[in-house]
């Protein structure tokens, strides 16, 4: 038991939690935005995988992490364009299309990986970190939490930005109305379909960025199916956060701790089956759903295609 209180274990657990929570945070924020406008984006897993593969490939070819992250965001947005076209504009079933896009992305990225990297399995180099002045000098915690790659600070900044947009801007009101009262938004002269499309595209970019973070920074390598359900956990986070980006951050850190527990236990030599530890995030998801699922506040038009003039 005392081994679990050592600085090595705590440092590994905290650092692993940050690494694991960033993709969940980005994906959860994106899903929250999409759901606010009435689009249930089940295709998040496919967007993350596409971003992970494309981001890794671009970073490997260009030797630039920044270009890789931008490429990952673009990859997620490519899948989001399909989602928006089929679900928002054509009004097809959002759940069916989301599952189809996820399965398609899984197959496509696995095939591309096999054709290009199955014999070499290249790895990316270390990532440059940015130490925040003063905060990074805090004993123990500072060098772990406040000496991170720039994309980590960007993810935290997205929390503050989205909270501000939702509460203090006309755009936030339009996003809310698109999911709760789309006919009223249409009557006010705001195009509901374009509002939803914008939200889905931003969601794709955030999910793709989260996937690129996994392949470039967290792992340094792309392997098929590497997202391992992170997209679906992001959906749960968005639903339980009740429209509050800060709650998405808290949930991402909680699940990130569960995901990082495997590595932290290995550091101190605790013999626990890896498969058992990897079940913890999903057990946590089920427990949270049991406790808070009924309190989830979802838009009234979520999952419903908007047709102008229809009742």
C-alpha atoms as a PDB file:
ATOM      1  CA  UNK A   1       0.000   0.000   0.000  1.00  0.00           C
ATOM      2  CA  UNK A   2       2.837   2.403   0.847  1.00  0.00           C
ATOM      3  CA  UNK A   3       4.245   1.878  -2.660  1.00  0.00           C
ATOM      4  CA  UNK A   4       1.143   3.612  -3.990  1.00  0.00           C
ATOM      5  CA  UNK A   5       2.052   6.768  -2.084  1.00  0.00           C
ATOM      6  CA  UNK A   6       5.522   7.174  -3.553  1.00  0.00           C
ATOM      7  CA  UNK A   7       6.385  10.194  -5.656  1.00  0.00           C
ATOM      8  CA  UNK A   8       7.060   7.970  -8.660  1.00  0.00           C
ATOM      9  CA  UNK A   9       3.583   6.474  -8.566  1.00  0.00           C
ATOM     10  CA  UNK A  10       1.845   9.808  -8.009  1.00  0.00           C
ATOM     11  CA  UNK A  11       3.873  11.529 -10.719  1.00  0.00           C
ATOM     12  CA  UNK A  12       3.143   8.747 -13.206  1.00  0.00           C
ATOM     13  CA  UNK A  13      -0.552   8.775 -12.310  1.00  0.00           C
ATOM     14  CA  UNK A  14      -0.877  12.550 -12.643  1.00  0.00           C
ATOM     15  CA  UNK A  15       1.102  12.788 -15.869  1.00  0.00           C
ATOM     16  CA  UNK A  16      -0.784   9.841 -17.358  1.00  0.00           C
ATOM     17  CA  UNK A  17      -4.095  11.416 -16.376  1.00  0.00           C
ATOM     18  CA  UNK A  18      -3.235  14.597 -18.255  1.00  0.00           C
ATOM     19  CA  UNK A  19      -2.102  12.687 -21.341  1.00  0.00           C
ATOM     20  CA  UNK A  20      -5.232  10.512 -21.338  1.00  0.00           C
ATOM     21  CA  UNK A  21      -7.681  13.311 -20.552  1.00  0.00           C
ATOM     22  CA  UNK A  22      -6.736  15.734 -23.348  1.00  0.00           C
ATOM     23  CA  UNK A  23      -8.294  13.650 -26.187  1.00  0.00           C
ATOM     24  CA  UNK A  24     -11.381  13.084 -24.024  1.00  0.00           C
ATOM     25  CA  UNK A  25     -11.623  16.790 -23.272  1.00  0.00           C
ATOM     26  CA  UNK A  26     -11.350  17.882 -26.900  1.00  0.00           C
ATOM     27  CA  UNK A  27     -13.794  15.235 -28.069  1.00  0.00           C
ATOM     28  CA  UNK A  28     -16.244  15.909 -25.244  1.00  0.00           C
ATOM     29  CA  UNK A  29     -16.225  19.648 -25.951  1.00  0.00           C
ATOM     30  CA  UNK A  30     -16.882  18.963 -29.612  1.00  0.00           C
ATOM     31  CA  UNK A  31     -19.753  16.598 -28.872  1.00  0.00           C
ATOM     32  CA  UNK A  32     -21.239  19.083 -26.419  1.00  0.00           C
ATOM     33  CA  UNK A  33     -21.246  21.719 -29.157  1.00  0.00           C
ATOM     34  CA  UNK A  34     -22.825  19.333 -31.651  1.00  0.00           C
ATOM     35  CA  UNK A  35     -25.501  18.210 -29.213  1.00  0.00           C
ATOM     36  CA  UNK A  36     -26.385  21.811 -28.357  1.00  0.00           C
ATOM     37  CA  UNK A  37     -27.466  22.274 -31.956  1.00  0.00           C
ATOM     38  CA  UNK A  38     -29.432  19.012 -32.070  1.00  0.00           C
ATOM     39  CA  UNK A  39     -26.937  16.673 -33.760  1.00  0.00           C
ATOM     40  CA  UNK A  40     -26.035  13.468 -31.904  1.00  0.00           C
ATOM     41  CA  UNK A  41     -22.584  12.766 -33.302  1.00  0.00           C
ATOM     42  CA  UNK A  42     -22.037   9.024 -32.924  1.00  0.00           C
ATOM     43  CA  UNK A  43     -19.250   9.273 -35.507  1.00  0.00           C
ATOM     44  CA  UNK A  44     -16.783  10.800 -33.042  1.00  0.00           C
ATOM     45  CA  UNK A  45     -14.709   7.624 -32.870  1.00  0.00           C
ATOM     46  CA  UNK A  46     -14.280   7.662 -36.644  1.00  0.00           C
ATOM     47  CA  UNK A  47     -13.309  11.337 -36.592  1.00  0.00           C
ATOM     48  CA  UNK A  48     -10.720  10.677 -33.902  1.00  0.00           C
ATOM     49  CA  UNK A  49      -9.229   7.725 -35.796  1.00  0.00           C
ATOM     50  CA  UNK A  50      -9.044   9.682 -39.042  1.00  0.00           C
ATOM     51  CA  UNK A  51      -7.375  12.566 -37.217  1.00  0.00           C
ATOM     52  CA  UNK A  52      -4.970  10.181 -35.506  1.00  0.00           C
ATOM     53  CA  UNK A  53      -3.873   8.577 -38.760  1.00  0.00           C
ATOM     54  CA  UNK A  54      -3.691  11.713 -40.897  1.00  0.00           C
ATOM     55  CA  UNK A  55      -2.033  13.706 -38.135  1.00  0.00           C
ATOM     56  CA  UNK A  56       0.613  11.030 -37.636  1.00  0.00           C
ATOM     57  CA  UNK A  57       1.230  10.662 -41.356  1.00  0.00           C
ATOM     58  CA  UNK A  58       1.649  14.404 -41.934  1.00  0.00           C
ATOM     59  CA  UNK A  59       3.894  14.808 -38.879  1.00  0.00           C
ATOM     60  CA  UNK A  60       6.033  11.854 -40.020  1.00  0.00           C
ATOM     61  CA  UNK A  61       6.372  13.189 -43.560  1.00  0.00           C
ATOM     62  CA  UNK A  62       6.875  16.859 -42.703  1.00  0.00           C
ATOM     63  CA  UNK A  63       8.777  16.410 -39.414  1.00  0.00           C
ATOM     64  CA  UNK A  64       6.464  19.057 -37.974  1.00  0.00           C
ATOM     65  CA  UNK A  65       4.187  18.356 -35.017  1.00  0.00           C
ATOM     66  CA  UNK A  66       2.249  21.554 -35.652  1.00  0.00           C
ATOM     67  CA  UNK A  67       1.423  20.538 -39.222  1.00  0.00           C
ATOM     68  CA  UNK A  68       0.489  17.084 -37.964  1.00  0.00           C
ATOM     69  CA  UNK A  69      -1.968  18.508 -35.448  1.00  0.00           C
ATOM     70  CA  UNK A  70      -3.501  20.746 -38.106  1.00  0.00           C
ATOM     71  CA  UNK A  71      -3.712  17.745 -40.419  1.00  0.00           C
ATOM     72  CA  UNK A  72      -5.422  15.738 -37.696  1.00  0.00           C
ATOM     73  CA  UNK A  73      -8.014  18.482 -37.216  1.00  0.00           C
ATOM     74  CA  UNK A  74      -8.548  18.577 -40.983  1.00  0.00           C
ATOM     75  CA  UNK A  75      -8.956  14.783 -41.054  1.00  0.00           C
ATOM     76  CA  UNK A  76     -11.652  14.897 -38.409  1.00  0.00           C
ATOM     77  CA  UNK A  77     -13.369  17.697 -40.294  1.00  0.00           C
ATOM     78  CA  UNK A  78     -13.378  15.617 -43.494  1.00  0.00           C
ATOM     79  CA  UNK A  79     -15.461  12.956 -41.749  1.00  0.00           C
ATOM     80  CA  UNK A  80     -17.613  15.705 -40.219  1.00  0.00           C
ATOM     81  CA  UNK A  81     -18.402  17.036 -43.705  1.00  0.00           C
ATOM     82  CA  UNK A  82     -19.933  13.662 -44.540  1.00  0.00           C
ATOM     83  CA  UNK A  83     -21.851  13.688 -41.257  1.00  0.00           C
ATOM     84  CA  UNK A  84     -23.205  17.175 -41.894  1.00  0.00           C
ATOM     85  CA  UNK A  85     -24.145  16.459 -45.500  1.00  0.00           C
ATOM     86  CA  UNK A  86     -25.949  13.206 -44.758  1.00  0.00           C
ATOM     87  CA  UNK A  87     -27.585  14.055 -41.439  1.00  0.00           C
ATOM     88  CA  UNK A  88     -28.078  17.820 -41.398  1.00  0.00           C
ATOM     89  CA  UNK A  89     -28.866  18.494 -45.042  1.00  0.00           C
ATOM     90  CA  UNK A  90     -30.356  15.163 -46.174  1.00  0.00           C
ATOM     91  CA  UNK A  91     -31.964  14.394 -42.818  1.00  0.00           C
ATOM     92  CA  UNK A  92     -30.755  10.793 -42.555  1.00  0.00           C
ATOM     93  CA  UNK A  93     -30.689   8.958 -39.237  1.00  0.00           C
ATOM     94  CA  UNK A  94     -27.862  10.386 -37.138  1.00  0.00           C
ATOM     95  CA  UNK A  95     -27.148   7.200 -35.185  1.00  0.00           C
ATOM     96  CA  UNK A  96     -26.992   4.964 -38.263  1.00  0.00           C
ATOM     97  CA  UNK A  97     -24.777   7.395 -40.179  1.00  0.00           C
ATOM     98  CA  UNK A  98     -22.512   7.915 -37.173  1.00  0.00           C
ATOM     99  CA  UNK A  99     -21.971   4.183 -36.734  1.00  0.00           C
ATOM    100  CA  UNK A 100     -21.339   3.781 -40.468  1.00  0.00           C
ATOM    101  CA  UNK A 101     -18.756   6.575 -40.481  1.00  0.00           C
ATOM    102  CA  UNK A 102     -16.992   5.066 -37.468  1.00  0.00           C
ATOM    103  CA  UNK A 103     -16.821   1.604 -39.038  1.00  0.00           C
ATOM    104  CA  UNK A 104     -15.675   3.098 -42.333  1.00  0.00           C
ATOM    105  CA  UNK A 105     -12.920   5.114 -40.632  1.00  0.00           C
ATOM    106  CA  UNK A 106     -11.775   2.058 -38.686  1.00  0.00           C
ATOM    107  CA  UNK A 107     -11.479  -0.004 -41.846  1.00  0.00           C
ATOM    108  CA  UNK A 108      -9.873   2.745 -43.938  1.00  0.00           C
ATOM    109  CA  UNK A 109      -7.225   3.698 -41.362  1.00  0.00           C
ATOM    110  CA  UNK A 110      -6.398   0.055 -40.627  1.00  0.00           C
ATOM    111  CA  UNK A 111      -5.947  -0.635 -44.349  1.00  0.00           C
ATOM    112  CA  UNK A 112      -3.803   2.466 -44.905  1.00  0.00           C
ATOM    113  CA  UNK A 113      -1.671   1.548 -41.903  1.00  0.00           C
ATOM    114  CA  UNK A 114      -1.174  -1.967 -43.247  1.00  0.00           C
ATOM    115  CA  UNK A 115      -0.163  -0.695 -46.690  1.00  0.00           C
ATOM    116  CA  UNK A 116       2.249   1.975 -45.427  1.00  0.00           C
ATOM    117  CA  UNK A 117       3.552   1.086 -41.977  1.00  0.00           C
ATOM    118  CA  UNK A 118       2.974  -2.620 -41.303  1.00  0.00           C
ATOM    119  CA  UNK A 119       6.645  -3.469 -41.895  1.00  0.00           C
ATOM    120  CA  UNK A 120       8.328  -0.394 -40.452  1.00  0.00           C
ATOM    121  CA  UNK A 121       6.141   0.952 -37.613  1.00  0.00           C
ATOM    122  CA  UNK A 122       7.890   4.353 -37.567  1.00  0.00           C
ATOM    123  CA  UNK A 123       7.830   6.431 -34.407  1.00  0.00           C
ATOM    124  CA  UNK A 124       7.854  10.169 -33.935  1.00  0.00           C
ATOM    125  CA  UNK A 125      10.389  12.013 -31.818  1.00  0.00           C
ATOM    126  CA  UNK A 126       9.865  13.775 -28.524  1.00  0.00           C
ATOM    127  CA  UNK A 127       7.501  16.711 -28.305  1.00  0.00           C
ATOM    128  CA  UNK A 128       8.551  20.202 -27.294  1.00  0.00           C
ATOM    129  CA  UNK A 129       6.896  21.383 -24.103  1.00  0.00           C
ATOM    130  CA  UNK A 130       6.161  24.891 -22.856  1.00  0.00           C
ATOM    131  CA  UNK A 131       6.764  25.705 -19.187  1.00  0.00           C
ATOM    132  CA  UNK A 132       4.415  28.309 -17.757  1.00  0.00           C
ATOM    133  CA  UNK A 133       6.289  31.002 -15.814  1.00  0.00           C
ATOM    134  CA  UNK A 134       6.080  30.687 -12.015  1.00  0.00           C
ATOM    135  CA  UNK A 135       3.480  27.888 -12.135  1.00  0.00           C
ATOM    136  CA  UNK A 136       6.016  25.394 -13.476  1.00  0.00           C
ATOM    137  CA  UNK A 137       8.225  26.072 -10.420  1.00  0.00           C
ATOM    138  CA  UNK A 138       5.654  24.756  -7.954  1.00  0.00           C
ATOM    139  CA  UNK A 139       7.296  21.766  -6.221  1.00  0.00           C
ATOM    140  CA  UNK A 140       6.333  18.370  -7.670  1.00  0.00           C
ATOM    141  CA  UNK A 141       3.036  19.435  -9.256  1.00  0.00           C
ATOM    142  CA  UNK A 142       4.430  22.324 -11.277  1.00  0.00           C
ATOM    143  CA  UNK A 143       6.840  20.350 -13.438  1.00  0.00           C
ATOM    144  CA  UNK A 144       4.091  17.844 -14.263  1.00  0.00           C
ATOM    145  CA  UNK A 145       1.014  20.003 -14.821  1.00  0.00           C
ATOM    146  CA  UNK A 146       2.506  23.238 -16.115  1.00  0.00           C
ATOM    147  CA  UNK A 147       5.207  21.950 -18.454  1.00  0.00           C
ATOM    148  CA  UNK A 148       3.106  20.531 -21.273  1.00  0.00           C
ATOM    149  CA  UNK A 149       2.884  20.696 -25.075  1.00  0.00           C
ATOM    150  CA  UNK A 150       1.066  23.764 -26.365  1.00  0.00           C
ATOM    151  CA  UNK A 151      -1.955  21.717 -27.477  1.00  0.00           C
ATOM    152  CA  UNK A 152      -2.729  20.935 -23.807  1.00  0.00           C
ATOM    153  CA  UNK A 153      -3.039  24.638 -23.024  1.00  0.00           C
ATOM    154  CA  UNK A 154      -5.099  25.050 -26.189  1.00  0.00           C
ATOM    155  CA  UNK A 155      -7.534  22.408 -24.944  1.00  0.00           C
ATOM    156  CA  UNK A 156      -7.887  24.210 -21.598  1.00  0.00           C
ATOM    157  CA  UNK A 157      -8.390  27.477 -23.479  1.00  0.00           C
ATOM    158  CA  UNK A 158     -11.236  25.871 -25.447  1.00  0.00           C
ATOM    159  CA  UNK A 159     -13.054  25.246 -22.167  1.00  0.00           C
ATOM    160  CA  UNK A 160     -12.965  28.938 -21.266  1.00  0.00           C
ATOM    161  CA  UNK A 161     -13.780  30.047 -24.818  1.00  0.00           C
ATOM    162  CA  UNK A 162     -16.807  27.798 -25.150  1.00  0.00           C
ATOM    163  CA  UNK A 163     -18.097  28.718 -21.698  1.00  0.00           C
ATOM    164  CA  UNK A 164     -17.919  32.385 -22.710  1.00  0.00           C
ATOM    165  CA  UNK A 165     -19.629  31.782 -26.064  1.00  0.00           C
ATOM    166  CA  UNK A 166     -22.464  29.782 -24.527  1.00  0.00           C
ATOM    167  CA  UNK A 167     -23.211  32.300 -21.780  1.00  0.00           C
ATOM    168  CA  UNK A 168     -22.410  35.715 -23.205  1.00  0.00           C
ATOM    169  CA  UNK A 169     -22.817  35.801 -26.992  1.00  0.00           C
ATOM    170  CA  UNK A 170     -25.584  35.764 -29.582  1.00  0.00           C
ATOM    171  CA  UNK A 171     -23.844  32.802 -31.190  1.00  0.00           C
ATOM    172  CA  UNK A 172     -24.345  30.851 -27.988  1.00  0.00           C
ATOM    173  CA  UNK A 173     -28.058  31.662 -28.051  1.00  0.00           C
ATOM    174  CA  UNK A 174     -28.275  30.547 -31.681  1.00  0.00           C
ATOM    175  CA  UNK A 175     -26.518  27.271 -30.896  1.00  0.00           C
ATOM    176  CA  UNK A 176     -28.896  26.614 -28.013  1.00  0.00           C
ATOM    177  CA  UNK A 177     -31.965  27.464 -30.103  1.00  0.00           C
ATOM    178  CA  UNK A 178     -30.847  25.212 -32.970  1.00  0.00           C
ATOM    179  CA  UNK A 179     -31.112  22.221 -30.678  1.00  0.00           C
ATOM    180  CA  UNK A 180     -34.013  23.247 -28.464  1.00  0.00           C
ATOM    181  CA  UNK A 181     -36.242  25.484 -30.585  1.00  0.00           C
ATOM    182  CA  UNK A 182     -35.053  25.250 -34.202  1.00  0.00           C
ATOM    183  CA  UNK A 183     -38.316  26.606 -35.639  1.00  0.00           C
ATOM    184  CA  UNK A 184     -38.024  29.719 -33.473  1.00  0.00           C
ATOM    185  CA  UNK A 185     -34.427  30.204 -34.614  1.00  0.00           C
ATOM    186  CA  UNK A 186     -35.535  29.864 -38.232  1.00  0.00           C
ATOM    187  CA  UNK A 187     -38.328  32.393 -37.663  1.00  0.00           C
ATOM    188  CA  UNK A 188     -35.727  34.824 -36.282  1.00  0.00           C
ATOM    189  CA  UNK A 189     -33.915  34.699 -39.621  1.00  0.00           C
ATOM    190  CA  UNK A 190     -31.008  32.406 -38.661  1.00  0.00           C
ATOM    191  CA  UNK A 191     -30.416  29.401 -40.884  1.00  0.00           C
ATOM    192  CA  UNK A 192     -30.762  26.305 -38.719  1.00  0.00           C
ATOM    193  CA  UNK A 193     -29.016  23.985 -41.170  1.00  0.00           C
ATOM    194  CA  UNK A 194     -25.942  26.170 -41.461  1.00  0.00           C
ATOM    195  CA  UNK A 195     -25.804  26.605 -37.686  1.00  0.00           C
ATOM    196  CA  UNK A 196     -25.847  22.851 -37.202  1.00  0.00           C
ATOM    197  CA  UNK A 197     -23.309  22.368 -39.992  1.00  0.00           C
ATOM    198  CA  UNK A 198     -20.888  24.805 -38.360  1.00  0.00           C
ATOM    199  CA  UNK A 199     -21.219  22.959 -35.047  1.00  0.00           C
ATOM    200  CA  UNK A 200     -20.622  19.549 -36.650  1.00  0.00           C
ATOM    201  CA  UNK A 201     -17.533  20.795 -38.512  1.00  0.00           C
ATOM    202  CA  UNK A 202     -16.013  22.289 -35.360  1.00  0.00           C
ATOM    203  CA  UNK A 203     -16.806  19.029 -33.568  1.00  0.00           C
ATOM    204  CA  UNK A 204     -14.940  17.108 -36.263  1.00  0.00           C
ATOM    205  CA  UNK A 205     -11.936  19.420 -35.987  1.00  0.00           C
ATOM    206  CA  UNK A 206     -11.776  19.019 -32.196  1.00  0.00           C
ATOM    207  CA  UNK A 207     -12.194  15.232 -32.379  1.00  0.00           C
ATOM    208  CA  UNK A 208      -9.543  15.005 -35.100  1.00  0.00           C
ATOM    209  CA  UNK A 209      -7.201  17.139 -32.999  1.00  0.00           C
ATOM    210  CA  UNK A 210      -7.807  14.806 -30.068  1.00  0.00           C
ATOM    211  CA  UNK A 211      -6.962  11.825 -32.249  1.00  0.00           C
ATOM    212  CA  UNK A 212      -3.815  13.510 -33.552  1.00  0.00           C
ATOM    213  CA  UNK A 213      -2.762  14.202 -29.962  1.00  0.00           C
ATOM    214  CA  UNK A 214      -3.077  10.495 -29.203  1.00  0.00           C
ATOM    215  CA  UNK A 215      -0.930   9.366 -32.120  1.00  0.00           C
ATOM    216  CA  UNK A 216       1.660  12.166 -32.070  1.00  0.00           C
ATOM    217  CA  UNK A 217       2.096  13.095 -28.429  1.00  0.00           C
ATOM    218  CA  UNK A 218       0.582  10.397 -26.216  1.00  0.00           C
ATOM    219  CA  UNK A 219       1.894   7.409 -28.196  1.00  0.00           C
ATOM    220  CA  UNK A 220       4.265   8.734 -30.860  1.00  0.00           C
ATOM    221  CA  UNK A 221       2.971   6.043 -33.203  1.00  0.00           C
ATOM    222  CA  UNK A 222      -0.225   5.137 -35.002  1.00  0.00           C
ATOM    223  CA  UNK A 223      -1.771   1.713 -34.580  1.00  0.00           C
ATOM    224  CA  UNK A 224      -5.195   0.609 -35.863  1.00  0.00           C
ATOM    225  CA  UNK A 225      -8.153   1.154 -33.519  1.00  0.00           C
ATOM    226  CA  UNK A 226      -5.936   3.082 -31.109  1.00  0.00           C
ATOM    227  CA  UNK A 227      -8.765   5.316 -29.868  1.00  0.00           C
ATOM    228  CA  UNK A 228     -10.247   2.304 -28.017  1.00  0.00           C
ATOM    229  CA  UNK A 229     -13.652   3.815 -27.305  1.00  0.00           C
ATOM    230  CA  UNK A 230     -12.492   7.324 -26.380  1.00  0.00           C
ATOM    231  CA  UNK A 231     -15.015   8.790 -28.798  1.00  0.00           C
ATOM    232  CA  UNK A 232     -17.906   7.052 -27.046  1.00  0.00           C
ATOM    233  CA  UNK A 233     -16.625   8.181 -23.640  1.00  0.00           C
ATOM    234  CA  UNK A 234     -16.608  11.714 -25.079  1.00  0.00           C
ATOM    235  CA  UNK A 235     -20.296  11.327 -25.930  1.00  0.00           C
ATOM    236  CA  UNK A 236     -21.045  10.303 -22.336  1.00  0.00           C
ATOM    237  CA  UNK A 237     -19.063  13.266 -21.006  1.00  0.00           C
ATOM    238  CA  UNK A 238     -21.013  15.687 -23.193  1.00  0.00           C
ATOM    239  CA  UNK A 239     -24.376  14.270 -22.175  1.00  0.00           C
ATOM    240  CA  UNK A 240     -23.622  14.358 -18.459  1.00  0.00           C
ATOM    241  CA  UNK A 241     -21.994  17.801 -18.486  1.00  0.00           C
ATOM    242  CA  UNK A 242     -25.407  19.494 -18.902  1.00  0.00           C
ATOM    243  CA  UNK A 243     -24.080  22.076 -21.325  1.00  0.00           C
ATOM    244  CA  UNK A 244     -21.191  23.170 -19.080  1.00  0.00           C
ATOM    245  CA  UNK A 245     -17.695  22.950 -20.577  1.00  0.00           C
ATOM    246  CA  UNK A 246     -16.096  22.974 -17.122  1.00  0.00           C
ATOM    247  CA  UNK A 247     -17.939  19.759 -16.275  1.00  0.00           C
ATOM    248  CA  UNK A 248     -16.497  18.181 -19.412  1.00  0.00           C
ATOM    249  CA  UNK A 249     -13.038  19.074 -18.108  1.00  0.00           C
ATOM    250  CA  UNK A 250     -13.765  17.489 -14.725  1.00  0.00           C
ATOM    251  CA  UNK A 251     -15.144  14.331 -16.306  1.00  0.00           C
ATOM    252  CA  UNK A 252     -12.194  14.069 -18.689  1.00  0.00           C
ATOM    253  CA  UNK A 253      -9.760  14.246 -15.771  1.00  0.00           C
ATOM    254  CA  UNK A 254     -11.713  11.577 -13.878  1.00  0.00           C
ATOM    255  CA  UNK A 255     -11.674   9.133 -16.783  1.00  0.00           C
ATOM    256  CA  UNK A 256      -8.097  10.112 -17.568  1.00  0.00           C
ATOM    257  CA  UNK A 257      -7.088   8.983 -14.073  1.00  0.00           C
ATOM    258  CA  UNK A 258      -8.729   5.628 -14.698  1.00  0.00           C
ATOM    259  CA  UNK A 259      -6.954   5.226 -18.033  1.00  0.00           C
ATOM    260  CA  UNK A 260      -3.553   6.147 -16.561  1.00  0.00           C
ATOM    261  CA  UNK A 261      -3.801   3.732 -13.657  1.00  0.00           C
ATOM    262  CA  UNK A 262      -2.280   0.869 -15.673  1.00  0.00           C
ATOM    263  CA  UNK A 263       0.990   2.692 -16.305  1.00  0.00           C
ATOM    264  CA  UNK A 264       1.187   4.065 -12.777  1.00  0.00           C
ATOM    265  CA  UNK A 265       0.785   0.608 -11.236  1.00  0.00           C
ATOM    266  CA  UNK A 266       3.455  -0.800 -13.532  1.00  0.00           C
ATOM    267  CA  UNK A 267       5.868   1.888 -12.322  1.00  0.00           C
ATOM    268  CA  UNK A 268       5.657   0.585  -8.757  1.00  0.00           C
ATOM    269  CA  UNK A 269       5.615  -3.061  -9.836  1.00  0.00           C
ATOM    270  CA  UNK A 270       2.075  -3.934  -8.782  1.00  0.00           C
ATOM    271  CA  UNK A 271       1.050  -7.136 -10.539  1.00  0.00           C
ATOM    272  CA  UNK A 272      -2.441  -6.365 -11.792  1.00  0.00           C
ATOM    273  CA  UNK A 273      -3.714  -7.768 -15.106  1.00  0.00           C
ATOM    274  CA  UNK A 274      -3.649  -5.021 -17.735  1.00  0.00           C
ATOM    275  CA  UNK A 275      -7.027  -6.045 -19.112  1.00  0.00           C
ATOM    276  CA  UNK A 276      -8.613  -5.619 -15.683  1.00  0.00           C
ATOM    277  CA  UNK A 277      -7.204  -2.109 -15.299  1.00  0.00           C
ATOM    278  CA  UNK A 278      -8.254  -1.127 -18.812  1.00  0.00           C
ATOM    279  CA  UNK A 279     -11.832  -1.976 -17.867  1.00  0.00           C
ATOM    280  CA  UNK A 280     -11.859   0.770 -15.216  1.00  0.00           C
ATOM    281  CA  UNK A 281     -12.817   3.697 -17.500  1.00  0.00           C
ATOM    282  CA  UNK A 282     -15.812   1.814 -18.859  1.00  0.00           C
ATOM    283  CA  UNK A 283     -16.859   0.675 -15.397  1.00  0.00           C
ATOM    284  CA  UNK A 284     -16.598   4.303 -14.315  1.00  0.00           C
ATOM    285  CA  UNK A 285     -18.751   5.328 -17.284  1.00  0.00           C
ATOM    286  CA  UNK A 286     -21.466   2.865 -16.301  1.00  0.00           C
ATOM    287  CA  UNK A 287     -21.388   3.943 -12.654  1.00  0.00           C
ATOM    288  CA  UNK A 288     -21.616   7.618 -13.585  1.00  0.00           C
ATOM    289  CA  UNK A 289     -24.501   6.889 -15.947  1.00  0.00           C
ATOM    290  CA  UNK A 290     -26.332   5.015 -13.193  1.00  0.00           C
ATOM    291  CA  UNK A 291     -25.862   7.879 -10.754  1.00  0.00           C
ATOM    292  CA  UNK A 292     -26.338  10.885 -13.020  1.00  0.00           C
ATOM    293  CA  UNK A 293     -27.891   9.602 -16.230  1.00  0.00           C
ATOM    294  CA  UNK A 294     -31.416  10.678 -15.341  1.00  0.00           C
ATOM    295  CA  UNK A 295     -30.210  14.186 -14.585  1.00  0.00           C
ATOM    296  CA  UNK A 296     -28.684  14.673 -18.017  1.00  0.00           C
ATOM    297  CA  UNK A 297     -30.146  17.740 -19.697  1.00  0.00           C
ATOM    298  CA  UNK A 298     -30.424  17.203 -23.444  1.00  0.00           C
ATOM    299  CA  UNK A 299     -31.887  19.466 -26.162  1.00  0.00           C
ATOM    300  CA  UNK A 300     -35.472  18.659 -27.101  1.00  0.00           C
ATOM    301  CA  UNK A 301     -34.630  18.362 -30.808  1.00  0.00           C
ATOM    302  CA  UNK A 302     -31.517  16.216 -30.310  1.00  0.00           C
ATOM    303  CA  UNK A 303     -31.240  13.564 -33.010  1.00  0.00           C
ATOM    304  CA  UNK A 304     -34.102  15.054 -35.017  1.00  0.00           C
ATOM    305  CA  UNK A 305     -33.556  16.371 -38.528  1.00  0.00           C
ATOM    306  CA  UNK A 306     -34.919  19.861 -39.078  1.00  0.00           C
ATOM    307  CA  UNK A 307     -37.275  20.356 -42.002  1.00  0.00           C
ATOM    308  CA  UNK A 308     -38.465  23.897 -42.536  1.00  0.00           C
ATOM    309  CA  UNK A 309     -42.217  24.211 -42.073  1.00  0.00           C
ATOM    310  CA  UNK A 310     -42.634  20.689 -40.679  1.00  0.00           C
ATOM    311  CA  UNK A 311     -44.277  20.159 -37.293  1.00  0.00           C
END
